[in-house]
PDB file of all heavy atoms in Angstrom:
ATOM      1  N   PRO A   1     118.929  90.088 114.498  1.00  0.00           N
ATOM      2  CA  PRO A   1     118.580  90.798 115.700  1.00  0.00           C
ATOM      3  C   PRO A   1     119.241  90.279 116.991  1.00  0.00           C
ATOM      4  O   PRO A   1     119.606  91.108 117.847  1.00  0.00           O
ATOM      5  CB  PRO A   1     117.050  90.609 115.839  1.00  0.00           C
ATOM      6  CG  PRO A   1     116.604  90.180 114.488  1.00  0.00           C
ATOM      7  CD  PRO A   1     117.762  89.498 113.820  1.00  0.00           C
ATOM      8  N   ASN A   2     119.532  89.011 117.022  1.00  0.00           N
ATOM      9  CA  ASN A   2     120.147  88.451 118.239  1.00  0.00           C
ATOM     10  C   ASN A   2     121.538  88.902 118.421  1.00  0.00           C
ATOM     11  O   ASN A   2     122.076  88.883 119.525  1.00  0.00           O
ATOM     12  CB  ASN A   2     120.026  86.921 118.206  1.00  0.00           C
ATOM     13  CG  ASN A   2     118.603  86.472 118.225  1.00  0.00           C
ATOM     14  OD1 ASN A   2     117.701  87.193 118.649  1.00  0.00           O
ATOM     15  ND2 ASN A   2     118.351  85.286 117.774  1.00  0.00           N
ATOM     16  N   ASP A   3     122.201  89.392 117.385  1.00  0.00           N
ATOM     17  CA  ASP A   3     123.538  89.933 117.522  1.00  0.00           C
ATOM     18  C   ASP A   3     123.562  91.191 118.388  1.00  0.00           C
ATOM     19  O   ASP A   3     124.574  91.542 118.949  1.00  0.00           O
ATOM     20  CB  ASP A   3     124.178  90.332 116.173  1.00  0.00           C
ATOM     21  CG  ASP A   3     124.604  89.131 115.362  1.00  0.00           C
ATOM     22  OD1 ASP A   3     124.615  87.985 115.861  1.00  0.00           O
ATOM     23  OD2 ASP A   3     125.001  89.352 114.202  1.00  0.00           O
ATOM     24  N   TYR A   4     122.388  91.828 118.525  1.00  0.00           N
ATOM     25  CA  TYR A   4     122.277  93.091 119.278  1.00  0.00           C
ATOM     26  C   TYR A   4     121.539  92.943 120.596  1.00  0.00           C
ATOM     27  O   TYR A   4     121.752  93.728 121.503  1.00  0.00           O
ATOM     28  CB  TYR A   4     121.673  94.159 118.386  1.00  0.00           C
ATOM     29  CG  TYR A   4     122.392  94.217 117.070  1.00  0.00           C
ATOM     30  CD1 TYR A   4     121.853  93.604 115.961  1.00  0.00           C
ATOM     31  CD2 TYR A   4     123.637  94.798 116.970  1.00  0.00           C
ATOM     32  CE1 TYR A   4     122.541  93.594 114.741  1.00  0.00           C
ATOM     33  CE2 TYR A   4     124.354  94.785 115.819  1.00  0.00           C
ATOM     34  CZ  TYR A   4     123.793  94.218 114.694  1.00  0.00           C
ATOM     35  OH  TYR A   4     124.517  94.185 113.508  1.00  0.00           O
ATOM     36  N   LEU A   5     120.673  91.944 120.671  1.00  0.00           N
ATOM     37  CA  LEU A   5     119.875  91.760 121.874  1.00  0.00           C
ATOM     38  C   LEU A   5     120.431  90.685 122.758  1.00  0.00           C
ATOM     39  O   LEU A   5     119.972  90.485 123.901  1.00  0.00           O
ATOM     40  CB  LEU A   5     118.421  91.421 121.502  1.00  0.00           C
ATOM     41  CG  LEU A   5     117.687  92.551 120.761  1.00  0.00           C
ATOM     42  CD1 LEU A   5     116.318  92.077 120.286  1.00  0.00           C
ATOM     43  CD2 LEU A   5     117.506  93.772 121.651  1.00  0.00           C
ATOM     44  N   CYS A   6     121.386  89.917 122.259  1.00  0.00           N
ATOM     45  CA  CYS A   6     121.915  88.794 123.013  1.00  0.00           C
ATOM     46  C   CYS A   6     123.425  89.003 123.272  1.00  0.00           C
ATOM     47  O   CYS A   6     124.158  89.450 122.410  1.00  0.00           O
ATOM     48  CB  CYS A   6     121.730  87.459 122.258  1.00  0.00           C
ATOM     49  SG  CYS A   6     120.000  87.090 121.930  1.00  0.00           S
ATOM     50  N   ASP A   7     123.821  88.630 124.442  1.00  0.00           N
ATOM     51  CA  ASP A   7     125.259  88.672 124.812  1.00  0.00           C
ATOM     52  C   ASP A   7     125.845  90.068 124.761  1.00  0.00           C
ATOM     53  O   ASP A   7     127.027  90.219 124.620  1.00  0.00           O
ATOM     54  CB  ASP A   7     126.064  87.695 123.968  1.00  0.00           C
ATOM     55  CG  ASP A   7     127.321  87.153 124.664  1.00  0.00           C
ATOM     56  OD1 ASP A   7     127.305  87.100 125.907  1.00  0.00           O
ATOM     57  OD2 ASP A   7     128.249  86.809 123.934  1.00  0.00           O
ATOM     58  N   SER A   8     125.002  91.069 124.840  1.00  0.00           N
ATOM     59  CA  SER A   8     125.505  92.451 124.753  1.00  0.00           C
ATOM     60  C   SER A   8     125.184  93.207 126.057  1.00  0.00           C
ATOM     61  O   SER A   8     126.076  93.749 126.675  1.00  0.00           O
ATOM     62  CB  SER A   8     124.966  93.203 123.547  1.00  0.00           C
ATOM     63  OG  SER A   8     123.587  93.131 123.512  1.00  0.00           O
ATOM     64  N   PHE A   9     123.946  93.258 126.449  1.00  0.00           N
ATOM     65  CA  PHE A   9     123.583  93.960 127.670  1.00  0.00           C
ATOM     66  C   PHE A   9     124.020  93.136 128.916  1.00  0.00           C
ATOM     67  O   PHE A   9     124.536  93.661 129.850  1.00  0.00           O
ATOM     68  CB  PHE A   9     122.082  94.201 127.727  1.00  0.00           C
ATOM     69  CG  PHE A   9     121.616  95.194 126.714  1.00  0.00           C
ATOM     70  CD1 PHE A   9     121.054  94.768 125.534  1.00  0.00           C
ATOM     71  CD2 PHE A   9     121.735  96.544 126.975  1.00  0.00           C
ATOM     72  CE1 PHE A   9     120.620  95.705 124.579  1.00  0.00           C
ATOM     73  CE2 PHE A   9     121.299  97.507 126.050  1.00  0.00           C
ATOM     74  CZ  PHE A   9     120.730  97.057 124.840  1.00  0.00           C
ATOM     75  N   ILE A  10     123.730  91.816 128.845  1.00  0.00           N
ATOM     76  CA  ILE A  10     124.106  90.904 129.907  1.00  0.00           C
ATOM     77  C   ILE A  10     124.780  89.683 129.230  1.00  0.00           C
ATOM     78  O   ILE A  10     124.129  89.050 128.406  1.00  0.00           O
ATOM     79  CB  ILE A  10     122.922  90.452 130.787  1.00  0.00           C
ATOM     80  CG1 ILE A  10     122.207  91.651 131.378  1.00  0.00           C
ATOM     81  CG2 ILE A  10     123.356  89.472 131.817  1.00  0.00           C
ATOM     82  CD1 ILE A  10     120.930  91.309 132.124  1.00  0.00           C
ATOM     83  N   LYS A  11     126.005  89.448 129.566  1.00  0.00           N
ATOM     84  CA  LYS A  11     126.687  88.282 128.961  1.00  0.00           C
ATOM     85  C   LYS A  11     125.925  86.987 129.147  1.00  0.00           C
ATOM     86  O   LYS A  11     125.408  86.718 130.190  1.00  0.00           O
ATOM     87  CB  LYS A  11     128.109  88.146 129.552  1.00  0.00           C
ATOM     88  CG  LYS A  11     129.045  89.248 129.182  1.00  0.00           C
ATOM     89  CD  LYS A  11     129.353  89.188 127.689  1.00  0.00           C
ATOM     90  CE  LYS A  11     130.282  90.295 127.291  1.00  0.00           C
ATOM     91  NZ  LYS A  11     130.318  90.498 125.886  1.00  0.00           N
ATOM     92  N   LYS A  12     125.873  86.221 128.045  1.00  0.00           N
ATOM     93  CA  LYS A  12     125.226  84.881 127.988  1.00  0.00           C
ATOM     94  C   LYS A  12     123.721  84.952 128.049  1.00  0.00           C
ATOM     95  O   LYS A  12     123.064  83.920 128.231  1.00  0.00           O
ATOM     96  CB  LYS A  12     125.823  83.973 129.086  1.00  0.00           C
ATOM     97  CG  LYS A  12     127.295  83.711 128.971  1.00  0.00           C
ATOM     98  CD  LYS A  12     127.766  82.775 129.963  1.00  0.00           C
ATOM     99  CE  LYS A  12     129.237  82.571 129.883  1.00  0.00           C
ATOM    100  NZ  LYS A  12     129.778  81.608 130.774  1.00  0.00           N
ATOM    101  N   TYR A  13     123.104  86.129 127.875  1.00  0.00           N
ATOM    102  CA  TYR A  13     121.636  86.237 127.915  1.00  0.00           C
ATOM    103  C   TYR A  13     121.135  87.066 126.785  1.00  0.00           C
ATOM    104  O   TYR A  13     121.812  88.018 126.336  1.00  0.00           O
ATOM    105  CB  TYR A  13     121.147  86.845 129.252  1.00  0.00           C
ATOM    106  CG  TYR A  13     121.286  85.912 130.427  1.00  0.00           C
ATOM    107  CD1 TYR A  13     122.440  85.890 131.200  1.00  0.00           C
ATOM    108  CD2 TYR A  13     120.284  84.937 130.683  1.00  0.00           C
ATOM    109  CE1 TYR A  13     122.596  85.014 132.265  1.00  0.00           C
ATOM    110  CE2 TYR A  13     120.446  84.081 131.727  1.00  0.00           C
ATOM    111  CZ  TYR A  13     121.558  84.122 132.529  1.00  0.00           C
ATOM    112  OH  TYR A  13     121.693  83.233 133.558  1.00  0.00           O
ATOM    113  N   CYS A  14     119.924  86.802 126.352  1.00  0.00           N
ATOM    114  CA  CYS A  14     119.192  87.655 125.440  1.00  0.00           C
ATOM    115  C   CYS A  14     118.155  88.398 126.243  1.00  0.00           C
ATOM    116  O   CYS A  14     117.426  87.797 127.051  1.00  0.00           O
ATOM    117  CB  CYS A  14     118.454  86.805 124.378  1.00  0.00           C
ATOM    118  SG  CYS A  14     119.576  85.835 123.336  1.00  0.00           S
ATOM    119  N   VAL A  15     118.134  89.713 126.094  1.00  0.00           N
ATOM    120  CA  VAL A  15     117.272  90.527 126.962  1.00  0.00           C
ATOM    121  C   VAL A  15     116.016  90.992 126.197  1.00  0.00           C
ATOM    122  O   VAL A  15     115.997  91.191 125.014  1.00  0.00           O
ATOM    123  CB  VAL A  15     117.996  91.760 127.499  1.00  0.00           C
ATOM    124  CG1 VAL A  15     119.211  91.346 128.362  1.00  0.00           C
ATOM    125  CG2 VAL A  15     118.432  92.696 126.370  1.00  0.00           C
ATOM    126  N   GLY A  16     114.927  91.191 126.988  1.00  0.00           N
ATOM    127  CA  GLY A  16     113.695  91.710 126.443  1.00  0.00           C
ATOM    128  C   GLY A  16     113.556  93.185 126.716  1.00  0.00           C
ATOM    129  O   GLY A  16     112.678  93.839 126.150  1.00  0.00           O
ATOM    130  N   ASN A  17     114.400  93.683 127.590  1.00  0.00           N
ATOM    131  CA  ASN A  17     114.392  95.095 127.933  1.00  0.00           C
ATOM    132  C   ASN A  17     115.753  95.453 128.504  1.00  0.00           C
ATOM    133  O   ASN A  17     116.549  94.599 128.807  1.00  0.00           O
ATOM    134  CB  ASN A  17     113.272  95.378 128.931  1.00  0.00           C
ATOM    135  CG  ASN A  17     113.455  94.653 130.257  1.00  0.00           C
ATOM    136  OD1 ASN A  17     113.523  93.456 130.315  1.00  0.00           O
ATOM    137  ND2 ASN A  17     113.550  95.441 131.347  1.00  0.00           N
ATOM    138  N   ASN A  18     115.978  96.792 128.681  1.00  0.00           N
ATOM    139  CA  ASN A  18     117.109  97.228 129.464  1.00  0.00           C
ATOM    140  C   ASN A  18     116.595  98.167 130.524  1.00  0.00           C
ATOM    141  O   ASN A  18     115.371  98.154 130.829  1.00  0.00           O
ATOM    142  CB  ASN A  18     118.214  97.783 128.533  1.00  0.00           C
ATOM    143  CG  ASN A  18     117.788  99.070 127.839  1.00  0.00           C
ATOM    144  OD1 ASN A  18     116.808  99.711 128.169  1.00  0.00           O
ATOM    145  ND2 ASN A  18     118.559  99.443 126.852  1.00  0.00           N
ATOM    146  N   ASP A  19     117.434  98.984 131.058  1.00  0.00           N
ATOM    147  CA  ASP A  19     117.001  99.836 132.181  1.00  0.00           C
ATOM    148  C   ASP A  19     115.935 100.869 131.772  1.00  0.00           C
ATOM    149  O   ASP A  19     115.168 101.306 132.583  1.00  0.00           O
ATOM    150  CB  ASP A  19     118.189 100.564 132.806  1.00  0.00           C
ATOM    151  CG  ASP A  19     119.091  99.650 133.560  1.00  0.00           C
ATOM    152  OD1 ASP A  19     118.599  98.615 134.041  1.00  0.00           O
ATOM    153  OD2 ASP A  19     120.296  99.931 133.643  1.00  0.00           O
ATOM    154  N   ASN A  20     115.884 101.274 130.495  1.00  0.00           N
ATOM    155  CA  ASN A  20     114.920 102.268 130.116  1.00  0.00           C
ATOM    156  C   ASN A  20     114.139 102.008 128.794  1.00  0.00           C
ATOM    157  O   ASN A  20     113.502 102.880 128.294  1.00  0.00           O
ATOM    158  CB  ASN A  20     115.583 103.643 130.054  1.00  0.00           C
ATOM    159  CG  ASN A  20     116.782 103.693 129.117  1.00  0.00           C
ATOM    160  OD1 ASN A  20     117.043 102.707 128.406  1.00  0.00           O
ATOM    161  ND2 ASN A  20     117.490 104.763 129.050  1.00  0.00           N
ATOM    162  N   GLN A  21     114.317 100.786 128.230  1.00  0.00           N
ATOM    163  CA  GLN A  21     113.652 100.473 126.981  1.00  0.00           C
ATOM    164  C   GLN A  21     113.062  99.074 127.059  1.00  0.00           C
ATOM    165  O   GLN A  21     113.701  98.119 127.576  1.00  0.00           O
ATOM    166  CB  GLN A  21     114.606 100.547 125.823  1.00  0.00           C
ATOM    167  CG  GLN A  21     115.204 101.909 125.613  1.00  0.00           C
ATOM    168  CD  GLN A  21     116.273 101.887 124.533  1.00  0.00           C
ATOM    169  OE1 GLN A  21     117.253 101.104 124.685  1.00  0.00           O
ATOM    170  NE2 GLN A  21     116.202 102.703 123.531  1.00  0.00           N
ATOM    171  N   ILE A  22     111.895  98.889 126.483  1.00  0.00           N
ATOM    172  CA  ILE A  22     111.252  97.575 126.339  1.00  0.00           C
ATOM    173  C   ILE A  22     111.375  97.175 124.833  1.00  0.00           C
ATOM    174  O   ILE A  22     110.839  97.879 123.956  1.00  0.00           O
ATOM    175  CB  ILE A  22     109.806  97.573 126.815  1.00  0.00           C
ATOM    176  CG1 ILE A  22     109.790  97.986 128.302  1.00  0.00           C
ATOM    177  CG2 ILE A  22     109.210  96.194 126.582  1.00  0.00           C
ATOM    178  CD1 ILE A  22     108.364  98.134 128.845  1.00  0.00           C
ATOM    179  N   PHE A  23     112.046  96.070 124.552  1.00  0.00           N
ATOM    180  CA  PHE A  23     112.339  95.715 123.165  1.00  0.00           C
ATOM    181  C   PHE A  23     111.249  94.817 122.548  1.00  0.00           C
ATOM    182  O   PHE A  23     111.247  94.641 121.353  1.00  0.00           O
ATOM    183  CB  PHE A  23     113.685  94.997 123.069  1.00  0.00           C
ATOM    184  CG  PHE A  23     114.820  95.840 123.527  1.00  0.00           C
ATOM    185  CD1 PHE A  23     115.665  95.418 124.524  1.00  0.00           C
ATOM    186  CD2 PHE A  23     115.079  97.045 122.925  1.00  0.00           C
ATOM    187  CE1 PHE A  23     116.730  96.176 124.967  1.00  0.00           C
ATOM    188  CE2 PHE A  23     116.130  97.838 123.345  1.00  0.00           C
ATOM    189  CZ  PHE A  23     116.989  97.428 124.341  1.00  0.00           C
ATOM    190  N   TYR A  24     110.332  94.251 123.327  1.00  0.00           N
ATOM    191  CA  TYR A  24     109.289  93.317 122.851  1.00  0.00           C
ATOM    192  C   TYR A  24     107.925  93.856 123.181  1.00  0.00           C
ATOM    193  O   TYR A  24     107.734  94.492 124.242  1.00  0.00           O
ATOM    194  CB  TYR A  24     109.467  91.982 123.466  1.00  0.00           C
ATOM    195  CG  TYR A  24     110.598  91.174 123.008  1.00  0.00           C
ATOM    196  CD1 TYR A  24     111.910  91.450 123.432  1.00  0.00           C
ATOM    197  CD2 TYR A  24     110.489  90.020 122.236  1.00  0.00           C
ATOM    198  CE1 TYR A  24     113.030  90.695 123.039  1.00  0.00           C
ATOM    199  CE2 TYR A  24     111.566  89.219 121.842  1.00  0.00           C
ATOM    200  CZ  TYR A  24     112.824  89.564 122.247  1.00  0.00           C
ATOM    201  OH  TYR A  24     113.888  88.807 121.858  1.00  0.00           O
ATOM    202  N   ILE A  25     106.942  93.537 122.352  1.00  0.00           N
ATOM    203  CA  ILE A  25     105.559  93.839 122.690  1.00  0.00           C
ATOM    204  C   ILE A  25     104.885  92.651 123.347  1.00  0.00           C
ATOM    205  O   ILE A  25     103.808  92.739 123.880  1.00  0.00           O
ATOM    206  CB  ILE A  25     104.747  94.304 121.433  1.00  0.00           C
ATOM    207  CG1 ILE A  25     104.693  93.260 120.353  1.00  0.00           C
ATOM    208  CG2 ILE A  25     105.278  95.642 120.923  1.00  0.00           C
ATOM    209  CD1 ILE A  25     103.711  93.511 119.265  1.00  0.00           C
ATOM    210  N   ASP A  26     105.488  91.506 123.201  1.00  0.00           N
ATOM    211  CA  ASP A  26     104.996  90.239 123.866  1.00  0.00           C
ATOM    212  C   ASP A  26     106.224  89.410 124.104  1.00  0.00           C
ATOM    213  O   ASP A  26     107.253  89.945 124.516  1.00  0.00           O
ATOM    214  CB  ASP A  26     103.921  89.529 122.988  1.00  0.00           C
ATOM    215  CG  ASP A  26     104.346  89.330 121.542  1.00  0.00           C
ATOM    216  OD1 ASP A  26     105.565  89.271 121.247  1.00  0.00           O
ATOM    217  OD2 ASP A  26     103.432  89.150 120.688  1.00  0.00           O
ATOM    218  N   SER A  27     106.183  88.113 123.848  1.00  0.00           N
ATOM    219  CA  SER A  27     107.354  87.267 124.089  1.00  0.00           C
ATOM    220  C   SER A  27     108.211  87.049 122.823  1.00  0.00           C
ATOM    221  O   SER A  27     109.315  86.557 122.912  1.00  0.00           O
ATOM    222  CB  SER A  27     106.916  85.925 124.616  1.00  0.00           C
ATOM    223  OG  SER A  27     106.119  85.247 123.677  1.00  0.00           O
ATOM    224  N   HIS A  28     107.631  87.419 121.667  1.00  0.00           N
ATOM    225  CA  HIS A  28     108.354  87.076 120.419  1.00  0.00           C
ATOM    226  C   HIS A  28     108.210  88.077 119.280  1.00  0.00           C
ATOM    227  O   HIS A  28     108.554  87.782 118.120  1.00  0.00           O
ATOM    228  CB  HIS A  28     107.924  85.686 119.985  1.00  0.00           C
ATOM    229  CG  HIS A  28     106.455  85.524 119.768  1.00  0.00           C
ATOM    230  ND1 HIS A  28     105.599  85.376 120.871  1.00  0.00           N
ATOM    231  CD2 HIS A  28     105.698  85.515 118.702  1.00  0.00           C
ATOM    232  CE1 HIS A  28     104.378  85.263 120.403  1.00  0.00           C
ATOM    233  NE2 HIS A  28     104.391  85.365 119.094  1.00  0.00           N
ATOM    234  N   HIS A  29     107.715  89.275 119.544  1.00  0.00           N
ATOM    235  CA  HIS A  29     107.668  90.341 118.540  1.00  0.00           C
ATOM    236  C   HIS A  29     108.316  91.591 119.071  1.00  0.00           C
ATOM    237  O   HIS A  29     108.067  91.990 120.195  1.00  0.00           O
ATOM    238  CB  HIS A  29     106.214  90.650 118.171  1.00  0.00           C
ATOM    239  CG  HIS A  29     105.485  89.545 117.454  1.00  0.00           C
ATOM    240  ND1 HIS A  29     104.613  88.702 118.118  1.00  0.00           N
ATOM    241  CD2 HIS A  29     105.526  89.160 116.160  1.00  0.00           C
ATOM    242  CE1 HIS A  29     104.146  87.843 117.227  1.00  0.00           C
ATOM    243  NE2 HIS A  29     104.666  88.087 116.032  1.00  0.00           N
ATOM    244  N   LEU A  30     109.141  92.174 118.256  1.00  0.00           N
ATOM    245  CA  LEU A  30     109.809  93.429 118.672  1.00  0.00           C
ATOM    246  C   LEU A  30     108.800  94.586 118.763  1.00  0.00           C
ATOM    247  O   LEU A  30     107.889  94.698 117.973  1.00  0.00           O
ATOM    248  CB  LEU A  30     110.880  93.821 117.686  1.00  0.00           C
ATOM    249  CG  LEU A  30     112.176  92.956 117.691  1.00  0.00           C
ATOM    250  CD1 LEU A  30     113.135  93.428 116.578  1.00  0.00           C
ATOM    251  CD2 LEU A  30     112.880  92.988 119.040  1.00  0.00           C
ATOM    252  N   SER A  31     109.006  95.404 119.770  1.00  0.00           N
ATOM    253  CA  SER A  31     108.288  96.666 119.835  1.00  0.00           C
ATOM    254  C   SER A  31     108.893  97.660 118.870  1.00  0.00           C
ATOM    255  O   SER A  31     109.898  97.376 118.201  1.00  0.00           O
ATOM    256  CB  SER A  31     108.435  97.215 121.281  1.00  0.00           C
ATOM    257  OG  SER A  31     109.803  97.569 121.530  1.00  0.00           O
ATOM    258  N   ASN A  32     108.258  98.861 118.696  1.00  0.00           N
ATOM    259  CA  ASN A  32     108.826  99.843 117.838  1.00  0.00           C
ATOM    260  C   ASN A  32     110.264 100.204 118.339  1.00  0.00           C
ATOM    261  O   ASN A  32     111.182 100.404 117.532  1.00  0.00           O
ATOM    262  CB  ASN A  32     107.972 101.099 117.807  1.00  0.00           C
ATOM    263  CG  ASN A  32     106.695 100.893 116.963  1.00  0.00           C
ATOM    264  OD1 ASN A  32     106.625  99.942 116.174  1.00  0.00           O
ATOM    265  ND2 ASN A  32     105.716 101.705 117.231  1.00  0.00           N
ATOM    266  N   THR A  33     110.388 100.274 119.628  1.00  0.00           N
ATOM    267  CA  THR A  33     111.684 100.614 120.257  1.00  0.00           C
ATOM    268  C   THR A  33     112.700  99.513 119.919  1.00  0.00           C
ATOM    269  O   THR A  33     113.841  99.820 119.550  1.00  0.00           O
ATOM    270  CB  THR A  33     111.546 100.753 121.763  1.00  0.00           C
ATOM    271  OG1 THR A  33     110.665 101.772 122.054  1.00  0.00           O
ATOM    272  CG2 THR A  33     112.880 101.024 122.427  1.00  0.00           C
ATOM    273  N   GLY A  34     112.296  98.253 120.018  1.00  0.00           N
ATOM    274  CA  GLY A  34     113.160  97.149 119.729  1.00  0.00           C
ATOM    275  C   GLY A  34     113.587  97.096 118.232  1.00  0.00           C
ATOM    276  O   GLY A  34     114.710  96.882 117.885  1.00  0.00           O
TER     277      GLY A  34
END
């Protein structure tokens, strides 16, 4: 999963969301969208 959530939207960071999607339901579990 980190190949897609890290270093892609923002270089050198893993994101929990982007401008219109929330990828996590908390701090460590993916949402349905994620």
